Structure formats: C-alpha cells, structure tokens
Amino acid sequence: MRLRDYRASIIVAALSGAFGAALVIATTVVAAAIGAHQLAGEHESVRLTVLVVSAVFFAIAIYVSAVVTANTVATVIAGRVREIALYRLIGADSSRLRRGIAREGLACAALGALIGTVPIIVAGLVGVPMLVDAKVLPETTYDVLDPLLIAPFLITIAMGYLASWVGSQRVSQVTPIQALGVAAADPTRPVSLGRRVGAYVLLIGGLFALLGGVALGLFSPLGLLVALVGGVLSFSGIVMLSPVLMPALLRLTGGWMGRSPAARIAAANAVRYPERSARSMVGIVIGVTLVTMFAVASSTYVQMMIGIADAQPEYADGMNEILTMTLAIFSGLFGFSALIAAVGLVNNLALGVIQRAPELGLLRTLGFSTGQIRRMIITESAQMTLVSVFFGLILGTFYGWCGAQATLGAMLGHGLVTPALPWGVFGIILVLAIVVAIGASLAPSRRATRGSAVAALAAD
C-alpha cells in the first residue's frame, strides 16, 4: 500500500475521528455542567438533546469525509491504470483488485481514526480538570471516557472502508489492453444511464425531503432530522451528476481566463476530461458548500435571535450568552469544514497534475515552454476553482438557510425567514480558495515539468 497516495484519506479519517470524539466529550461535559444545577431527570433530557444535535453534526462530517475518501481513491486509481491493467492482463479479477483497494482504505481509515481520536481523549482527560480548577466548569462528576466514544471511532473506520469500495469501482472500467499503451482516461466515455437515473432520483427525492423538513420545522424540532436526510440525498445526487454538471459549467466559463494558447488549452482540457475535472471540482464544491452552509446557518440564527432580543428586551442578557456559545460552536465547525476543503482540494489538484506527466511531456515535445505549461496548469486550476466556489456558494446558501429554518422555525416561532448572507465570509472563501488552488498547483507543476520531455512521455 502506498501511504503517500492515501494521505488525504488518512487526514480526513483523523479529522472525522477527532471531530466525533470531541463532540461526544463536549456533549458529556456540557450536559453534566448543566445537570449540576438541575434534577437528575432533567440532566438526562439535556444530555439526550445535546447528543442528538451532536449526532447531526457528526453525520455531516462523516458524509463529507466519505465523499472526499471516495474521490481520493478514484484519483489514485486513475494514476495506476497501467499497473491495474497489467494485473488484469495476467489474469487478476477486477473484484479481487477492488477488495484489495478496499482493504487499503480500511487500513487508512483505522490509522486515521486512531490518530484523530487518541489526542482528543487525552486532551479531554487533561483539560476538563483544568477547567474545573479554573472555575470555568462547575464542580461535578465528568465522565470523559464515555462508552459512546467507541461509536465515532468505529463509524469513521466503517465509512472509510465503504467509501474506498465505492471509489474502487473504477477498477472494473480498466481493460487489460491498457497495459500496452499510455494509460489515459477515456474522455468520451458517457455517464451510464443507471447512474443518471439514480442521481436524479436522489436529487429530486432529496429536495422534496429537504423542503419537507423545512415545513416540518415550523411545527416540530424533528424537521432538522428530515432536512438532514434530504440534504444528504440531494447532495449525493449532485455528486453523482458531477461528470455531467461540472463540464457544463466549465463550458459556460471557458473564456474567463483569456485567449492565450495556454488559457485556451487549459479551458479545453477542463472540458475534454470530464471525470478528471469532476474529481478535482467536487472536493472544492463540498468544502465551499460546507463552510458556506455553516456561515449562512449561523448568520441566520443570529439574525433571528437578535430579532427576539429586540422584541423582548428582558431576554437580552440570556440571548447574548446563547449567541456566544452558538458562535463558538459554529467557529469550530468552520475550522473543521475548512480543513476538509483544503485537504480535498490540495490532494486532488496535486495528484491530478502529477498523473498528467505523459500529457505534459507531449506538450513540451510540441514546443511548449516550461513556463507556458505551468501557466496552463495554474489557469486550469483557477478556472475550476472559480466555478466550483460560485457553485458551492449557491448550494451552501440554500442548504444553510434550510438547516437554520428547519432547526429554529418551531423553536422561535418566526415562520419563514430570509437567509442572512455573510458577504465578508463569502469574500474570504473566494480569496482563500483561489490562493490554495494556485499554491496546490505550483509544486506539482514544477515536479511534472522537471526533467526531459521524453522521460515524461514514458512515465506511468
């Protein structure tokens, strides 16, 4: 197993394991702190409520990690086509190869979950007593080593294995004949009818469930769970349609980067290889959607709470405490989602450039200079990033409003509200995404253009 190829899978598994462990410990500590001033029965009720909310956040984190892992595995396989084809040529069965890749994914998920979970548990064991001594937490019993800690650890491993199995389905598309030539992805292979139908079913059904959760949220807090299911299903449909959707968006924006030879080839490449473009863009869309969703949800929540405080001044002090706690929680979610976005973006762009060594070598033999090739790679990355960011901002705004509305509609009794748009956050997301995309392209582009063009043409 090449751990270097699976660094992104290990990192997102570590983030998921750490996030899940932190949620369990935080849930236990917060419920115990609140329960120190309440009856035992109320304490269990508070703990259950906080646990449900934490489970929703962890489900979102696991889903995002699973998509990033599946995307990473598909990218790795795209770079090992000739090696896999050689195994096929000597008689290896595709299902056996897929099982091997899934086992690699299982090992990566287990390693990542362990790396992420253990430090959080140690931090909890050390940090909670320190907070009690500092009078930040009340004197009571805190069960940091909650048996529920095993749940996020095992779920992270299981989802890593399943995501690797899903990502390995590309192995069945590799033919033995590809061992005899340059292993390039087939740019003309259409998305299968079954995948299209399944994607549309998930997308349409998920949107109905999402809007149903918003409607249910006007009367019951269960609207959040219904909206969560709808959001996962509808976004899964978008991911499945990405090889069709992303190139279509790129065609509309092909002239954004100018008309120089490098810019025109970059725009053509982005459309010519839809699967490769989709793999690179989906990671950006996921990250931007997630960050934007939390930003819009928290801004909408703050807007609603301020409205209540203005209408009922006697609750203003209590509202301020709630807002402070809520914003602290959402800040943690921002950080986690931004890390996931950066990992997926950097990994896919870097692997994609490195695996294109034969293509870049051919351009060099045709007279392209090293500078032109680097500008082409950066231009292609910039175009895909811009399109992905704008698409993610639209999706994140919609999902964030739905989440806030489904969660708070019944609780605050405001009915439907207008989403609060944090324009400053949008600007920061756009700038950071472009900077990270260009930075992620520079190092691999130098590596890909280093050495002779003939050696690049012969690269696997």
Protein backbone atom coordinates (compact mmCIF):
# COMPACT_ATOMS: atom_id res chain seq x y z
CA MET A 1 0.00 0.00 0.00
CA ARG A 2 1.32 3.45 -0.94
CA LEU A 3 0.53 5.61 2.06
CA ARG A 4 1.69 8.69 0.15
CA ASP A 5 -1.21 8.29 -2.28
CA TYR A 6 -3.72 7.95 0.55
CA ARG A 7 -2.59 10.88 2.69
CA ALA A 8 -5.87 12.70 2.12
CA SER A 9 -7.88 9.63 3.21
CA ILE A 10 -5.84 9.32 6.40
CA ILE A 11 -6.16 13.03 7.16
CA VAL A 12 -9.93 13.16 6.68
CA ALA A 13 -10.33 9.98 8.76
CA ALA A 14 -8.25 11.61 11.50
CA LEU A 15 -10.37 14.77 11.31
CA SER A 16 -13.59 12.76 11.44
CA GLY A 17 -12.40 10.66 14.38
CA ALA A 18 -11.23 13.75 16.24
CA PHE A 19 -14.44 15.63 15.49
CA GLY A 20 -16.61 12.73 16.64
CA ALA A 21 -14.64 12.20 19.83
CA ALA A 22 -14.71 15.93 20.58
CA LEU A 23 -18.49 16.02 20.09
CA VAL A 24 -19.05 13.08 22.46
CA ILE A 25 -16.79 14.55 25.14
CA ALA A 26 -18.25 18.04 24.72
CA THR A 27 -21.77 16.62 24.90
CA THR A 28 -20.96 14.77 28.12
CA VAL A 29 -19.26 17.77 29.71
CA VAL A 30 -21.93 20.30 28.71
CA ALA A 31 -24.76 18.04 29.85
CA ALA A 32 -23.00 17.36 33.17
CA ALA A 33 -22.34 21.08 33.70
CA ILE A 34 -25.98 21.94 33.01
CA GLY A 35 -27.15 18.98 35.10
CA ALA A 36 -25.16 20.24 38.08
CA HIS A 37 -27.88 22.86 38.50
CA GLN A 38 -30.85 20.66 37.64
CA LEU A 39 -32.60 17.47 38.69
CA ALA A 40 -31.14 14.15 37.50
CA GLY A 41 -34.08 13.52 35.16
CA GLU A 42 -33.63 16.90 33.51
CA HIS A 43 -29.92 16.23 33.21
CA GLU A 44 -30.57 13.10 31.13
CA SER A 45 -33.03 15.02 28.98
CA VAL A 46 -30.48 17.76 28.32
CA ARG A 47 -27.80 15.19 27.55
CA LEU A 48 -30.07 13.42 25.06
CA THR A 49 -30.96 16.68 23.32
CA VAL A 50 -27.34 17.78 23.00
CA LEU A 51 -26.38 14.28 21.85
CA VAL A 52 -28.92 14.38 19.01
CA VAL A 53 -27.62 17.75 17.79
CA SER A 54 -24.04 16.46 18.02
CA ALA A 55 -25.01 13.35 16.06
CA VAL A 56 -26.35 15.56 13.26
CA PHE A 57 -23.07 17.48 13.06
CA PHE A 58 -21.05 14.25 13.14
CA ALA A 59 -23.21 12.75 10.38
CA ILE A 60 -22.42 15.76 8.19
CA ALA A 61 -18.71 15.38 8.95
CA ILE A 62 -18.72 11.65 8.17
CA TYR A 63 -20.60 12.19 4.93
CA VAL A 64 -18.13 14.82 3.73
CA SER A 65 -15.18 12.64 4.73
CA ALA A 66 -16.66 9.67 2.88
CA VAL A 67 -17.08 11.67 -0.33
CA VAL A 68 -13.52 13.02 -0.08
CA THR A 69 -12.18 9.49 0.54
CA ALA A 70 -14.08 8.01 -2.41
CA ASN A 71 -12.86 10.87 -4.58
CA THR A 72 -9.26 10.32 -3.43
CA VAL A 73 -9.42 6.59 -4.17
CA ALA A 74 -10.82 7.26 -7.66
CA THR A 75 -8.00 9.75 -8.29
CA VAL A 76 -5.37 7.28 -7.10
CA ILE A 77 -6.79 4.56 -9.35
CA ALA A 78 -6.75 6.96 -12.29
CA GLY A 79 -3.00 7.27 -11.81
CA ARG A 80 -2.48 3.50 -11.54
CA VAL A 81 -4.41 2.47 -14.64
CA ARG A 82 -1.44 0.85 -16.36
CA GLU A 83 -0.47 -1.09 -13.24
CA ILE A 84 -4.05 -2.31 -12.75
CA ALA A 85 -4.35 -3.16 -16.44
CA LEU A 86 -1.17 -5.26 -16.16
CA TYR A 87 -2.72 -7.21 -13.28
CA ARG A 88 -5.82 -7.71 -15.42
CA LEU A 89 -3.62 -8.87 -18.32
CA ILE A 90 -2.09 -11.66 -16.24
CA GLY A 91 -5.49 -12.84 -15.08
CA ALA A 92 -6.38 -10.85 -11.96
CA ASP A 93 -10.11 -10.48 -11.39
CA SER A 94 -11.46 -6.93 -11.03
CA SER A 95 -13.47 -7.82 -7.91
CA ARG A 96 -10.31 -9.15 -6.27
CA LEU A 97 -8.47 -5.94 -7.09
CA ARG A 98 -11.36 -3.92 -5.69
CA ARG A 99 -11.25 -5.90 -2.44
CA GLY A 100 -7.55 -5.16 -2.17
CA ILE A 101 -8.12 -1.44 -2.62
CA ALA A 102 -10.98 -1.53 -0.10
CA ARG A 103 -8.64 -3.21 2.41
CA GLU A 104 -6.15 -0.41 1.85
CA GLY A 105 -8.95 2.06 2.55
CA LEU A 106 -9.84 0.17 5.73
CA ALA A 107 -6.24 0.33 6.95
CA CYS A 108 -6.04 4.07 6.17
CA ALA A 109 -9.35 4.75 7.94
CA ALA A 110 -8.28 2.78 11.02
CA LEU A 111 -4.94 4.57 11.16
CA GLY A 112 -6.54 7.98 10.68
CA ALA A 113 -9.29 7.35 13.25
CA LEU A 114 -6.67 6.30 15.80
CA ILE A 115 -4.50 9.34 15.07
CA GLY A 116 -7.50 11.66 15.45
CA THR A 117 -9.26 10.08 18.44
CA VAL A 118 -6.43 9.45 20.91
CA PRO A 119 -5.18 13.08 21.19
CA ILE A 120 -8.74 14.34 21.73
CA ILE A 121 -9.32 11.85 24.56
CA VAL A 122 -6.01 12.80 26.18
CA ALA A 123 -6.90 16.50 25.82
CA GLY A 124 -10.27 15.84 27.46
CA LEU A 125 -8.73 13.96 30.39
CA VAL A 126 -6.24 16.77 30.97
CA GLY A 127 -8.34 19.78 30.01
CA VAL A 128 -11.59 19.14 31.89
CA PRO A 129 -9.98 19.06 35.38
CA MET A 130 -8.06 22.23 34.47
CA LEU A 131 -11.32 23.97 33.51
CA VAL A 132 -12.88 22.85 36.81
CA ASP A 133 -9.91 24.19 38.77
CA ALA A 134 -10.17 27.47 36.87
CA LYS A 135 -13.88 27.69 37.84
CA VAL A 136 -14.90 27.64 34.19
CA LEU A 137 -16.84 24.42 34.79
CA PRO A 138 -18.84 23.71 37.97
CA GLU A 139 -17.76 21.09 40.48
CA THR A 140 -19.39 17.81 39.47
CA THR A 141 -18.53 14.40 38.01
CA TYR A 142 -17.44 14.43 34.36
CA ASP A 143 -17.26 11.08 32.59
CA VAL A 144 -14.77 11.96 29.85
CA LEU A 145 -14.23 8.29 28.96
CA ASP A 146 -17.83 7.84 27.89
CA PRO A 147 -18.52 4.42 26.29
CA LEU A 148 -20.07 6.31 23.37
CA LEU A 149 -16.54 7.28 22.30
CA ILE A 150 -16.28 3.93 20.54
CA ALA A 151 -19.15 4.89 18.21
CA PRO A 152 -17.46 7.68 16.18
CA PHE A 153 -14.25 5.63 16.06
CA LEU A 154 -15.97 2.59 14.54
CA ILE A 155 -18.22 4.68 12.28
CA THR A 156 -15.19 6.51 10.88
CA ILE A 157 -13.48 3.21 10.06
CA ALA A 158 -16.61 1.70 8.53
CA MET A 159 -17.29 4.74 6.36
CA GLY A 160 -13.66 4.82 5.23
CA TYR A 161 -13.96 1.21 4.08
CA LEU A 162 -17.28 1.79 2.30
CA ALA A 163 -16.01 4.97 0.64
CA SER A 164 -12.92 3.13 -0.61
CA TRP A 165 -15.10 0.35 -2.00
CA VAL A 166 -17.27 2.90 -3.83
CA GLY A 167 -14.22 4.75 -5.12
CA SER A 168 -12.66 1.49 -6.36
CA GLN A 169 -15.49 0.84 -8.82
CA ARG A 170 -13.34 2.47 -11.49
CA VAL A 171 -11.17 -0.68 -11.46
CA SER A 172 -13.90 -2.53 -13.37
CA GLN A 173 -13.54 0.03 -16.20
CA VAL A 174 -9.85 -0.77 -16.74
CA THR A 175 -9.19 -3.22 -19.59
CA PRO A 176 -6.11 -5.46 -19.99
CA ILE A 177 -5.24 -3.79 -23.31
CA GLN A 178 -4.46 -0.56 -21.44
CA ALA A 179 -1.31 -2.23 -20.08
CA LEU A 180 0.21 -1.96 -23.57
CA GLY A 181 -0.12 1.82 -24.01
CA VAL A 182 -0.29 5.11 -22.20
CA ALA A 183 -3.00 4.70 -19.59
CA ALA A 184 -5.17 7.70 -20.14
CA ALA A 185 -8.73 8.18 -19.06
CA ASP A 186 -11.25 7.90 -21.87
CA PRO A 187 -12.58 11.45 -22.30
CA THR A 188 -15.59 10.34 -24.33
CA ARG A 189 -16.99 7.67 -22.00
CA PRO A 190 -20.51 8.83 -21.11
CA VAL A 191 -22.11 8.59 -17.71
CA SER A 192 -24.20 5.43 -17.65
CA LEU A 193 -27.98 5.62 -17.82
CA GLY A 194 -28.30 3.83 -14.49
CA ARG A 195 -26.08 6.38 -12.78
CA ARG A 196 -28.03 9.26 -14.30
CA VAL A 197 -31.36 7.82 -13.21
CA GLY A 198 -30.07 7.08 -9.71
CA ALA A 199 -28.63 10.59 -9.45
CA TYR A 200 -31.87 12.26 -10.50
CA VAL A 201 -33.86 10.09 -8.08
CA LEU A 202 -31.56 11.11 -5.22
CA LEU A 203 -31.56 14.75 -6.24
CA ILE A 204 -35.31 15.16 -6.70
CA GLY A 205 -36.26 12.93 -3.76
CA GLY A 206 -33.72 14.65 -1.55
CA LEU A 207 -35.02 18.11 -2.44
CA PHE A 208 -38.56 17.06 -1.56
CA ALA A 209 -37.35 15.69 1.78
CA LEU A 210 -35.27 18.81 2.42
CA LEU A 211 -38.17 21.17 1.79
CA GLY A 212 -40.41 18.82 3.77
CA GLY A 213 -38.00 19.16 6.69
CA VAL A 214 -38.21 22.94 6.41
CA ALA A 215 -42.01 22.74 6.50
CA LEU A 216 -41.97 20.28 9.42
CA GLY A 217 -39.52 22.55 11.24
CA LEU A 218 -42.25 25.17 11.53
CA PHE A 219 -44.06 22.86 13.94
CA SER A 220 -41.54 20.35 15.33
CA PRO A 221 -37.76 20.14 16.01
CA LEU A 222 -37.80 16.81 14.13
CA GLY A 223 -37.70 18.91 10.97
CA LEU A 224 -33.91 19.06 11.36
CA LEU A 225 -33.53 15.29 11.02
CA VAL A 226 -35.79 15.17 7.95
CA ALA A 227 -33.91 18.08 6.39
CA LEU A 228 -30.57 16.36 7.14
CA VAL A 229 -31.65 13.23 5.26
CA GLY A 230 -32.93 15.35 2.38
CA GLY A 231 -29.72 17.36 2.25
CA VAL A 232 -27.52 14.25 2.16
CA LEU A 233 -29.63 12.60 -0.55
CA SER A 234 -29.87 15.67 -2.77
CA PHE A 235 -26.17 16.48 -2.48
CA SER A 236 -25.32 12.84 -3.25
CA GLY A 237 -27.31 13.24 -6.45
CA ILE A 238 -25.26 16.33 -7.33
CA VAL A 239 -22.01 14.42 -6.69
CA MET A 240 -23.16 11.55 -8.91
CA LEU A 241 -24.02 14.01 -11.68
CA SER A 242 -20.72 15.88 -11.37
CA PRO A 243 -19.12 14.35 -14.54
CA VAL A 244 -22.03 15.88 -16.48
CA LEU A 245 -22.68 19.01 -14.43
CA MET A 246 -19.13 20.27 -13.91
CA PRO A 247 -18.05 20.23 -17.60
CA ALA A 248 -21.29 22.03 -18.48
CA LEU A 249 -20.42 24.79 -16.01
CA LEU A 250 -16.87 24.93 -17.36
CA ARG A 251 -18.11 25.36 -20.95
CA LEU A 252 -20.07 28.42 -19.85
CA THR A 253 -16.96 29.97 -18.31
CA GLY A 254 -14.34 28.90 -20.84
CA GLY A 255 -13.44 32.48 -21.80
CA TRP A 256 -12.84 33.72 -18.24
CA MET A 257 -9.08 33.06 -18.35
CA GLY A 258 -8.29 34.87 -21.62
CA ARG A 259 -7.44 33.74 -25.16
CA SER A 260 -3.72 32.92 -24.90
CA PRO A 261 -2.62 29.44 -26.10
CA ALA A 262 -2.09 28.26 -22.52
CA ALA A 263 -5.51 29.59 -21.45
CA ARG A 264 -7.31 28.03 -24.43
CA ILE A 265 -5.70 24.62 -23.86
CA ALA A 266 -6.48 24.86 -20.15
CA ALA A 267 -10.16 25.58 -20.89
CA ALA A 268 -10.30 22.74 -23.43
CA ASN A 269 -8.62 20.28 -21.04
CA ALA A 270 -11.12 21.04 -18.30
CA VAL A 271 -13.97 20.01 -20.62
CA ARG A 272 -12.17 17.25 -22.54
CA TYR A 273 -11.57 15.15 -19.42
CA PRO A 274 -14.87 15.39 -17.53
CA GLU A 275 -14.10 12.73 -14.92
CA ARG A 276 -10.76 14.29 -14.03
CA SER A 277 -12.29 17.77 -13.82
CA ALA A 278 -15.23 16.47 -11.79
CA ARG A 279 -12.92 14.76 -9.27
CA SER A 280 -10.96 17.97 -8.78
CA MET A 281 -14.01 20.22 -8.62
CA VAL A 282 -16.21 18.10 -6.34
CA GLY A 283 -13.72 18.42 -3.50
CA ILE A 284 -13.85 22.22 -3.79
CA VAL A 285 -17.64 22.27 -4.09
CA ILE A 286 -18.01 20.10 -0.98
CA GLY A 287 -15.72 22.27 1.11
CA VAL A 288 -17.19 25.59 -0.02
CA THR A 289 -20.74 24.30 0.38
CA LEU A 290 -19.99 23.09 3.90
CA VAL A 291 -18.31 26.31 5.04
CA THR A 292 -20.99 28.46 3.42
CA MET A 293 -23.77 26.33 4.90
CA PHE A 294 -22.49 26.83 8.44
CA ALA A 295 -21.84 30.54 7.80
CA VAL A 296 -25.35 31.19 6.46
CA ALA A 297 -26.97 29.00 9.13
CA SER A 298 -25.17 30.77 11.97
CA SER A 299 -25.80 34.24 10.50
CA THR A 300 -29.50 33.45 10.05
CA TYR A 301 -29.65 32.10 13.59
CA VAL A 302 -28.01 35.25 14.98
CA GLN A 303 -30.41 37.42 12.96
CA MET A 304 -33.41 35.57 14.40
CA MET A 305 -32.10 35.73 17.97
CA ILE A 306 -31.38 39.46 17.70
CA GLY A 307 -34.93 39.96 16.46
CA ILE A 308 -36.26 38.17 19.55
CA ALA A 309 -34.00 40.21 21.85
CA ASP A 310 -35.22 43.46 20.28
CA ALA A 311 -38.84 42.42 20.67
CA GLN A 312 -38.33 41.13 24.24
CA PRO A 313 -35.55 43.18 25.94
CA GLU A 314 -35.91 41.24 29.19
CA TYR A 315 -34.28 38.25 27.47
CA ALA A 316 -31.37 40.23 26.02
CA ASP A 317 -28.74 39.06 28.53
CA GLY A 318 -29.68 35.41 28.14
CA MET A 319 -29.68 35.81 24.38
CA ASN A 320 -26.13 37.15 24.47
CA GLU A 321 -24.90 34.09 26.34
CA ILE A 322 -26.65 31.76 23.90
CA LEU A 323 -25.23 33.65 20.93
CA THR A 324 -21.71 33.48 22.35
CA MET A 325 -21.95 29.72 22.87
CA THR A 326 -23.52 29.15 19.45
CA LEU A 327 -20.92 31.20 17.60
CA ALA A 328 -18.16 29.31 19.41
CA ILE A 329 -19.65 26.02 18.22
CA PHE A 330 -20.02 27.24 14.66
CA SER A 331 -16.44 28.55 14.69
CA GLY A 332 -15.29 25.01 15.40
CA LEU A 333 -17.43 23.73 12.55
CA PHE A 334 -15.95 26.40 10.25
CA GLY A 335 -12.46 25.23 11.12
CA PHE A 336 -13.26 21.56 10.56
CA SER A 337 -15.03 22.14 7.24
CA ALA A 338 -12.23 24.43 6.03
CA LEU A 339 -9.66 21.71 6.79
CA ILE A 340 -11.69 19.13 4.89
CA ALA A 341 -11.99 21.52 1.95
CA ALA A 342 -8.26 22.27 1.91
CA VAL A 343 -7.29 18.59 2.16
CA GLY A 344 -9.57 17.56 -0.69
CA LEU A 345 -8.53 20.49 -2.89
CA VAL A 346 -4.77 20.16 -2.40
CA ASN A 347 -4.74 16.37 -2.74
CA ASN A 348 -6.82 16.17 -5.91
CA LEU A 349 -5.05 19.01 -7.69
CA ALA A 350 -1.60 17.70 -6.75
CA LEU A 351 -2.32 14.10 -7.75
CA GLY A 352 -4.05 15.23 -10.92
CA VAL A 353 -1.03 17.25 -12.07
CA ILE A 354 1.50 14.55 -11.20
CA GLN A 355 -0.52 11.89 -13.04
CA ARG A 356 -0.57 14.03 -16.19
CA ALA A 357 3.17 13.74 -16.76
CA PRO A 358 2.82 11.98 -20.17
CA GLU A 359 0.35 14.60 -21.40
CA LEU A 360 2.61 17.44 -20.25
CA GLY A 361 5.62 15.73 -21.80
CA LEU A 362 3.82 15.62 -25.15
CA LEU A 363 3.12 19.35 -24.98
CA ARG A 364 6.80 20.00 -24.30
CA THR A 365 7.84 17.97 -27.34
CA LEU A 366 5.41 20.08 -29.41
CA GLY A 367 7.22 23.26 -28.41
CA PHE A 368 5.51 24.47 -25.23
CA SER A 369 7.92 26.05 -22.78
CA THR A 370 8.02 25.09 -19.12
CA GLY A 371 6.54 28.48 -18.24
CA GLN A 372 3.63 28.03 -20.64
CA ILE A 373 2.84 24.60 -19.21
CA ARG A 374 2.90 25.93 -15.67
CA ARG A 375 0.65 28.84 -16.65
CA MET A 376 -1.71 26.35 -18.32
CA ILE A 377 -1.90 24.22 -15.16
CA ILE A 378 -2.46 27.26 -12.92
CA THR A 379 -5.06 28.69 -15.32
CA GLU A 380 -6.93 25.38 -15.45
CA SER A 381 -6.88 25.13 -11.65
CA ALA A 382 -8.03 28.75 -11.30
CA GLN A 383 -10.95 28.26 -13.68
CA MET A 384 -12.12 25.07 -11.96
CA THR A 385 -11.74 26.74 -8.57
CA LEU A 386 -13.73 29.84 -9.51
CA VAL A 387 -16.59 27.79 -10.99
CA SER A 388 -16.59 25.43 -8.01
CA VAL A 389 -16.57 28.28 -5.48
CA PHE A 390 -19.52 30.09 -7.06
CA PHE A 391 -21.47 26.84 -7.34
CA GLY A 392 -20.60 25.94 -3.74
CA LEU A 393 -21.68 29.37 -2.50
CA ILE A 394 -25.10 28.92 -4.12
CA LEU A 395 -25.54 25.41 -2.72
CA GLY A 396 -24.23 26.39 0.72
CA THR A 397 -26.56 29.36 0.97
CA PHE A 398 -29.56 27.18 0.12
CA TYR A 399 -28.59 24.32 2.48
CA GLY A 400 -27.63 26.74 5.27
CA TRP A 401 -30.97 28.52 5.12
CA CYS A 402 -32.83 25.19 5.05
CA GLY A 403 -30.86 23.96 8.06
CA ALA A 404 -31.46 27.11 10.09
CA GLN A 405 -35.13 27.21 9.15
CA ALA A 406 -35.70 23.52 9.95
CA THR A 407 -33.89 23.87 13.29
CA LEU A 408 -35.34 27.15 14.54
CA GLY A 409 -38.69 27.54 12.80
CA ALA A 410 -40.69 25.90 15.57
CA MET A 411 -38.35 26.93 18.41
CA LEU A 412 -38.51 30.65 17.73
CA GLY A 413 -41.96 30.82 16.17
CA HIS A 414 -40.88 33.19 13.43
CA GLY A 415 -42.20 31.21 10.47
CA LEU A 416 -40.17 31.53 7.27
CA VAL A 417 -37.26 33.96 7.45
CA THR A 418 -34.94 35.48 4.86
CA PRO A 419 -31.44 33.95 4.92
CA ALA A 420 -28.72 36.23 6.29
CA LEU A 421 -25.85 36.43 3.79
CA PRO A 422 -22.38 36.93 5.35
CA TRP A 423 -20.76 38.71 2.39
CA GLY A 424 -17.47 39.10 4.21
CA VAL A 425 -17.24 35.33 4.71
CA PHE A 426 -18.09 34.79 1.03
CA GLY A 427 -15.21 37.06 0.00
CA ILE A 428 -12.78 35.28 2.32
CA ILE A 429 -13.86 31.89 0.94
CA LEU A 430 -13.29 33.05 -2.64
CA VAL A 431 -9.84 34.52 -1.95
CA LEU A 432 -8.64 31.58 0.14
CA ALA A 433 -9.89 29.02 -2.37
CA ILE A 434 -8.01 30.71 -5.23
CA VAL A 435 -4.83 31.06 -3.15
CA VAL A 436 -4.95 27.42 -2.06
CA ALA A 437 -5.70 26.22 -5.61
CA ILE A 438 -2.77 28.12 -7.10
CA GLY A 439 -0.48 27.07 -4.25
CA ALA A 440 -1.52 23.43 -4.66
CA SER A 441 -0.70 23.59 -8.37
CA LEU A 442 2.72 25.23 -8.16
CA ALA A 443 4.76 22.45 -6.54
CA PRO A 444 3.37 19.53 -8.61
CA SER A 445 3.60 21.61 -11.81
CA ARG A 446 7.31 22.16 -11.15
CA ARG A 447 7.77 18.46 -10.49
CA ALA A 448 5.82 17.49 -13.60
CA THR A 449 7.90 19.79 -15.85
CA ARG A 450 11.25 18.88 -14.32
CA GLY A 451 13.49 16.56 -16.33
CA SER A 452 13.32 15.61 -20.01
CA ALA A 453 10.16 15.56 -22.08
CA VAL A 454 10.98 12.02 -23.31
CA ALA A 455 11.10 10.71 -19.74
CA ALA A 456 7.76 12.41 -19.03
CA LEU A 457 6.20 10.75 -22.06
CA ALA A 458 7.25 7.34 -20.77
CA ALA A 459 6.01 7.99 -17.22
CA ASP A 460 3.33 5.78 -15.71
